[in-house]
Amino acid sequence: MDEGNGVRNRIATKVQQILQAMIRANRIEMARNVYAIINRYHEPGNHRRSLRKVWQHYVYPIYPMSLRTMMELLRIAREHQSPGEIPPGLYPLFEEWDKKRTPYTT
């Protein structure tokens, strides 16, 4: 009886590890997508293109999350970015968006 519980525990642990790895991979992919959005629209020094405004107008409609969660995802994306890597683009997603939406006129 004891041996059966040990096997079940090992299987449960392995399944949990696999699920966590899948969730982790999806979270990293989402972090990279958010990072691409920020790289496309953020302009340091321009209040209209600050991180908060970019989150409010571009990130939140696609990925409903808090500003704090977005900052955490940016940290994750930077950790998993290889040196010299070009930020990934979401061009098919945003080409149509840019045609329809012009929130700021400068």
Protein backbone atom coordinates (compact mmCIF):
# COMPACT_ATOMS: atom_id res chain seq x y z
CA MET A 1 0.00 0.00 0.00
CA ASP A 2 2.81 2.36 0.87
CA GLU A 3 4.54 1.70 -2.45
CA GLY A 4 1.39 2.59 -4.42
CA ASN A 5 1.14 5.96 -2.68
CA GLY A 6 4.78 6.68 -3.49
CA VAL A 7 4.22 5.98 -7.18
CA ARG A 8 1.08 8.14 -7.21
CA ASN A 9 2.95 10.96 -5.49
CA ARG A 10 5.79 10.78 -8.02
CA ILE A 11 3.32 10.80 -10.92
CA ALA A 12 1.41 13.72 -9.41
CA THR A 13 4.67 15.62 -8.91
CA LYS A 14 5.74 14.97 -12.51
CA VAL A 15 2.36 16.10 -13.88
CA GLN A 16 2.55 19.25 -11.76
CA GLN A 17 6.05 19.99 -13.09
CA ILE A 18 4.89 19.56 -16.69
CA LEU A 19 1.89 21.86 -16.13
CA GLN A 20 4.10 24.50 -14.50
CA ALA A 21 6.50 24.34 -17.45
CA MET A 22 3.61 24.83 -19.89
CA ILE A 23 2.24 27.75 -17.89
CA ARG A 24 5.74 29.22 -17.65
CA ALA A 25 6.21 28.96 -21.43
CA ASN A 26 2.88 30.70 -22.07
CA ARG A 27 3.75 33.43 -19.58
CA ILE A 28 7.11 34.01 -21.24
CA GLU A 29 5.40 34.27 -24.63
CA MET A 30 2.90 36.78 -23.24
CA ALA A 31 5.78 38.72 -21.66
CA ARG A 32 7.52 38.89 -25.04
CA ASN A 33 4.33 40.12 -26.71
CA VAL A 34 3.86 42.85 -24.08
CA TYR A 35 7.54 43.77 -24.47
CA ALA A 36 7.02 44.13 -28.24
CA ILE A 37 4.04 46.44 -27.67
CA ILE A 38 6.04 48.58 -25.24
CA ASN A 39 9.01 48.77 -27.63
CA ARG A 40 6.74 49.88 -30.42
CA TYR A 41 4.87 52.68 -28.61
CA HIS A 42 6.90 53.81 -25.57
CA GLU A 43 8.88 57.06 -25.84
CA PRO A 44 10.91 57.97 -22.76
CA GLY A 45 10.38 61.60 -21.81
CA ASN A 46 7.06 61.91 -23.64
CA HIS A 47 4.20 61.86 -21.14
CA ARG A 48 1.68 60.84 -23.81
CA ARG A 49 3.81 57.77 -24.56
CA SER A 50 4.80 56.91 -20.98
CA LEU A 51 4.64 53.31 -19.79
CA ARG A 52 1.33 53.98 -18.03
CA LYS A 53 -0.26 55.52 -21.12
CA VAL A 54 1.03 52.77 -23.40
CA TRP A 55 -0.36 50.22 -20.95
CA GLN A 56 -3.70 52.03 -20.85
CA HIS A 57 -4.16 52.44 -24.62
CA TYR A 58 -2.33 49.47 -26.16
CA VAL A 59 -1.58 46.70 -23.66
CA TYR A 60 -4.75 46.66 -21.56
CA PRO A 61 -7.23 46.21 -24.46
CA ILE A 62 -5.35 43.09 -25.61
CA TYR A 63 -4.10 41.72 -22.28
CA PRO A 64 -6.35 42.94 -19.44
CA MET A 65 -3.92 43.19 -16.52
CA SER A 66 -2.79 45.71 -13.98
CA LEU A 67 0.12 48.06 -14.54
CA ARG A 68 2.08 46.20 -11.88
CA THR A 69 1.57 42.88 -13.69
CA MET A 70 2.74 44.49 -16.92
CA MET A 71 5.92 45.67 -15.20
CA GLU A 72 6.48 42.13 -13.91
CA LEU A 73 6.06 40.78 -17.45
CA LEU A 74 8.59 43.31 -18.73
CA ARG A 75 11.05 42.04 -16.12
CA ILE A 76 10.42 38.44 -17.24
CA ALA A 77 10.89 39.39 -20.91
CA ARG A 78 14.19 41.14 -20.16
CA GLU A 79 15.43 38.12 -18.20
CA HIS A 80 14.70 35.76 -21.10
CA GLN A 81 16.05 38.04 -23.81
CA SER A 82 19.37 36.99 -25.27
CA PRO A 83 21.98 39.75 -25.73
CA GLY A 84 21.70 41.41 -29.10
CA GLU A 85 18.23 39.99 -29.72
CA ILE A 86 15.98 42.22 -31.77
CA PRO A 87 12.70 42.77 -29.95
CA PRO A 88 10.01 40.58 -31.51
CA GLY A 89 7.31 42.29 -33.46
CA LEU A 90 3.59 41.78 -33.56
CA TYR A 91 3.25 43.34 -36.96
CA PRO A 92 0.23 41.43 -38.30
CA LEU A 93 -1.66 42.22 -35.11
CA PHE A 94 -0.85 45.93 -35.07
CA GLU A 95 -0.90 46.81 -38.75
CA GLU A 96 -4.69 46.67 -38.78
CA TRP A 97 -4.84 48.38 -35.38
CA ASP A 98 -2.70 51.28 -36.54
CA LYS A 99 -4.90 51.83 -39.57
CA LYS A 100 -8.02 52.15 -37.42
CA ARG A 101 -6.68 53.90 -34.33
CA THR A 102 -4.93 57.24 -33.95
CA PRO A 103 -5.25 58.14 -30.25
CA TYR A 104 -2.59 60.88 -30.32
CA THR A 105 -2.09 63.62 -32.81
CA THR A 106 1.26 65.33 -32.66
